[in-house]
Amino acid sequence: MSTESGVMACTYILVCSDNTYYVGSTVDFPRRLHEHQTGQSKSTRLRLPVEVFFVKEFDTLKDARAFEAFIKRQRNKEFYNKLKSGAFV
């Protein structure tokens, strides 16, 4: 799946060193992950290292952001684990 520019849109979840989760969406996941892993992202800078927990691709950034908002409304680890196991994919 890709956007008009040929870059995939996705929603992702990272697990931070303090066992918290970061949920985001982007059209350039490799770049965004690099920013998180190298301390260039304010939101995860103090919680390094981070690991990829979940990634789901979408046709549009709008769809990825809508799924990000849905995930953020859930806000519990049990839901995230079900998501990772494929229960909601």
C-alpha atoms as a PDB file:
ATOM      1  CA  MET A   1       0.000   0.000   0.000  1.00  0.00           C
ATOM      2  CA  SER A   2       1.256   3.455  -0.726  1.00  0.00           C
ATOM      3  CA  THR A   3       0.251   7.047  -0.943  1.00  0.00           C
ATOM      4  CA  GLU A   4       0.278   8.997  -4.201  1.00  0.00           C
ATOM      5  CA  SER A   5       3.966   9.752  -3.656  1.00  0.00           C
ATOM      6  CA  GLY A   6       4.774   6.033  -3.401  1.00  0.00           C
ATOM      7  CA  VAL A   7       5.471   6.121   0.355  1.00  0.00           C
ATOM      8  CA  MET A   8       3.381   3.957   2.645  1.00  0.00           C
ATOM      9  CA  ALA A   9       1.166   5.483   5.294  1.00  0.00           C
ATOM     10  CA  CYS A  10       1.046   3.599   8.569  1.00  0.00           C
ATOM     11  CA  THR A  11       0.022   3.627  12.185  1.00  0.00           C
ATOM     12  CA  TYR A  12       2.621   2.332  14.614  1.00  0.00           C
ATOM     13  CA  ILE A  13       3.101   1.566  18.286  1.00  0.00           C
ATOM     14  CA  LEU A  14       6.472   1.701  20.017  1.00  0.00           C
ATOM     15  CA  VAL A  15       7.334   0.267  23.429  1.00  0.00           C
ATOM     16  CA  CYS A  16       9.553   2.623  25.390  1.00  0.00           C
ATOM     17  CA  SER A  17      12.204   1.731  27.974  1.00  0.00           C
ATOM     18  CA  ASP A  18       9.802   2.610  30.808  1.00  0.00           C
ATOM     19  CA  ASN A  19       7.227   0.092  29.438  1.00  0.00           C
ATOM     20  CA  THR A  20       4.938   2.831  28.150  1.00  0.00           C
ATOM     21  CA  TYR A  21       3.589   2.899  24.621  1.00  0.00           C
ATOM     22  CA  TYR A  22       3.909   5.584  21.974  1.00  0.00           C
ATOM     23  CA  VAL A  23       1.298   5.582  19.195  1.00  0.00           C
ATOM     24  CA  GLY A  24       1.829   7.525  15.989  1.00  0.00           C
ATOM     25  CA  SER A  25       1.188   7.646  12.262  1.00  0.00           C
ATOM     26  CA  THR A  26       3.355   8.721   9.354  1.00  0.00           C
ATOM     27  CA  VAL A  27       3.955   8.438   5.626  1.00  0.00           C
ATOM     28  CA  ASP A  28       7.661   7.660   6.167  1.00  0.00           C
ATOM     29  CA  PHE A  29       7.992   5.042   8.883  1.00  0.00           C
ATOM     30  CA  PRO A  30      11.747   4.357   8.482  1.00  0.00           C
ATOM     31  CA  ARG A  31      12.524   8.077   8.898  1.00  0.00           C
ATOM     32  CA  ARG A  32      10.141   8.470  11.835  1.00  0.00           C
ATOM     33  CA  LEU A  33      11.479   5.376  13.601  1.00  0.00           C
ATOM     34  CA  HIS A  34      15.020   6.695  13.178  1.00  0.00           C
ATOM     35  CA  GLU A  35      13.943   9.981  14.764  1.00  0.00           C
ATOM     36  CA  HIS A  36      12.484   8.112  17.736  1.00  0.00           C
ATOM     37  CA  GLN A  37      15.510   5.850  18.145  1.00  0.00           C
ATOM     38  CA  THR A  38      18.053   8.677  18.000  1.00  0.00           C
ATOM     39  CA  GLY A  39      16.348  11.064  20.420  1.00  0.00           C
ATOM     40  CA  GLN A  40      15.148  13.491  17.736  1.00  0.00           C
ATOM     41  CA  SER A  41      11.521  13.075  18.840  1.00  0.00           C
ATOM     42  CA  LYS A  42      10.561  15.046  21.954  1.00  0.00           C
ATOM     43  CA  SER A  43       7.883  12.542  22.901  1.00  0.00           C
ATOM     44  CA  THR A  44      10.239   9.562  23.236  1.00  0.00           C
ATOM     45  CA  ARG A  45      13.609  11.243  23.843  1.00  0.00           C
ATOM     46  CA  LEU A  46      13.607  10.572  27.587  1.00  0.00           C
ATOM     47  CA  ARG A  47      12.281   7.013  27.204  1.00  0.00           C
ATOM     48  CA  LEU A  48      14.973   5.458  24.994  1.00  0.00           C
ATOM     49  CA  PRO A  49      15.477   2.889  23.750  1.00  0.00           C
ATOM     50  CA  VAL A  50      12.232   2.261  21.903  1.00  0.00           C
ATOM     51  CA  GLU A  51      11.209  -0.911  20.086  1.00  0.00           C
ATOM     52  CA  VAL A  52       8.619  -1.464  17.375  1.00  0.00           C
ATOM     53  CA  PHE A  53       5.570  -3.180  18.833  1.00  0.00           C
ATOM     54  CA  PHE A  54       3.059  -2.904  15.953  1.00  0.00           C
ATOM     55  CA  VAL A  55       2.802  -1.446  12.434  1.00  0.00           C
ATOM     56  CA  LYS A  56      -0.241  -1.400  10.146  1.00  0.00           C
ATOM     57  CA  GLU A  57      -0.184   0.020   6.616  1.00  0.00           C
ATOM     58  CA  PHE A  58      -2.944   2.159   5.097  1.00  0.00           C
ATOM     59  CA  ASP A  59      -3.725   3.600   1.680  1.00  0.00           C
ATOM     60  CA  THR A  60      -3.882   7.160   3.023  1.00  0.00           C
ATOM     61  CA  LEU A  61      -2.472   9.154   5.907  1.00  0.00           C
ATOM     62  CA  LYS A  62      -6.041  10.122   6.782  1.00  0.00           C
ATOM     63  CA  ASP A  63      -6.884   6.445   7.372  1.00  0.00           C
ATOM     64  CA  ALA A  64      -3.682   5.928   9.376  1.00  0.00           C
ATOM     65  CA  ARG A  65      -4.455   8.916  11.586  1.00  0.00           C
ATOM     66  CA  ALA A  66      -8.022   7.721  12.142  1.00  0.00           C
ATOM     67  CA  PHE A  67      -6.693   4.331  13.291  1.00  0.00           C
ATOM     68  CA  GLU A  68      -4.139   6.101  15.517  1.00  0.00           C
ATOM     69  CA  ALA A  69      -6.982   8.028  17.169  1.00  0.00           C
ATOM     70  CA  PHE A  70      -8.944   4.800  17.648  1.00  0.00           C
ATOM     71  CA  ILE A  71      -5.956   3.135  19.332  1.00  0.00           C
ATOM     72  CA  LYS A  72      -5.348   6.127  21.591  1.00  0.00           C
ATOM     73  CA  ARG A  73      -8.948   5.985  22.811  1.00  0.00           C
ATOM     74  CA  GLN A  74      -8.398   2.403  24.018  1.00  0.00           C
ATOM     75  CA  ARG A  75      -5.366   3.188  26.196  1.00  0.00           C
ATOM     76  CA  ASN A  76      -4.775  -0.191  27.823  1.00  0.00           C
ATOM     77  CA  LYS A  77      -2.076  -2.832  27.436  1.00  0.00           C
ATOM     78  CA  GLU A  78      -4.576  -5.668  27.032  1.00  0.00           C
ATOM     79  CA  PHE A  79      -5.978  -3.985  23.920  1.00  0.00           C
ATOM     80  CA  TYR A  80      -2.460  -3.424  22.542  1.00  0.00           C
ATOM     81  CA  ASN A  81      -1.579  -7.094  23.042  1.00  0.00           C
ATOM     82  CA  LYS A  82      -4.766  -8.166  21.236  1.00  0.00           C
ATOM     83  CA  LEU A  83      -3.894  -5.755  18.443  1.00  0.00           C
ATOM     84  CA  LYS A  84      -0.399  -7.230  18.141  1.00  0.00           C
ATOM     85  CA  SER A  85      -1.775 -10.781  18.016  1.00  0.00           C
ATOM     86  CA  GLY A  86      -3.901  -9.827  15.008  1.00  0.00           C
ATOM     87  CA  ALA A  87      -7.289  -9.743  16.712  1.00  0.00           C
ATOM     88  CA  PHE A  88      -8.173  -6.347  15.184  1.00  0.00           C
ATOM     89  CA  VAL A  89      -6.304  -6.424  11.879  1.00  0.00           C
END
